[in-house]
Amino acid sequence: MITVVGSINCDYVLKMERFPNVGETIHIDSLSIVPGGKGANQAVTSAKLGEHVLFIVAMGSDPMAEFLESSLRRYGNLDCKVIRSSKKTGMAFIEVNEKGDNKIMVFRGANGELSFRDVLEYEDMMKRSDTILLQCEIPLDTNLEMVKRFRGKTVILDPSPVDSFSEELLNGIAYITPNRTEFREITGIDPENPEDILKGAEYFFKFDVGNLVLKDGENGAYLVDRNEKTVLHAIPPKVDAIDTTAAGDVFNGSFAVFLSRGIRKDEALKMAVATATLSVTKLGAQTSIPSEMEVRTSGLMDRVVVERL
């Protein structure tokens, strides 16, 4: 079983030809309202790939919560435990241009009320998980306590958004998975070559992090194991990207699934890159997440190349 403690949002996706300039008003091509949130995206990814998932989340008592809970109930292997908050359910406003690039603004809402005390109500269930997925859209204190309490588990931390990240979260976790921007903001290093990636990895390793996974969009992902100190690069094939909103979450959720099945981390990296690559060919966050059958029949797993740099 995989446990996800994290956020859920109602996503308002605005599709447009280009992003507006400061002070400019433009017409958009379409507006979609879909389920999202980093925690929910990762939980749904793991569930759609066939794993049993425990998802602990906070929502308000509003129509958005009803919509989101209804969307999660379609997955019979996703056990969602809702902590009810007096605040509104979280929302995200996502701008997507014709290239598939996005800009995201998040209203934390009930996500900011998810306390460790609430989460502990399900401690016995969490103890049955081998893998725990965390992100930074919930309170820092909750994540800190999760890292301390479940140090012996395979904890995968997505340090996004960085303004809710702390170095204390790194102590003893198995994987840290920043994207290029987050890597630069946390380490102060721009990852332009393998040497830069290794230098940044050393920053994380001094906090006893087991592995660095650098997510790099259309360039795929890089993996550095603290015991090997070499860089593995999983390179995806080119696809026509429609929406990259949830690609990073799809990577994390699928990577967790493949690791939990005992698959070697280099192969898990390759398979997760393939899964994330397929997701960008559809619009929306959870609506873009593929099933394992869709990933395997797409042929993308065979087209991802892994190189040792």
Foldseek 3Di string as FASTA:
>chain_A
DEEEEFAKAFEWEFEAADDDDVPDDDDTDDIDTDIDGLRVLLLLLLLLQPAQYEYEYEAEPDPVVVVNVVVVVVRPSYHYDYDYDPWHGKYKYWYAHQQQDIDIDIDLIRQAVDALVNVCVCVVVVVPDQEYEYEQSYALNNLLVVCVVPLVHQYEYEDPPVVRDDLSSLARHAEYEYEQVSLCVVQVFRCPDFVSVLVSVVVSCVNVHQKYWYQYPQQAIWIDGPVPSWIKGWHFDDDRFRHLVALSSSLNSQLRNCVVVVHPNSLSSLLSRLQSNQLRNDDDRNVSGHHPVVSVVVCRSVRIDMDID
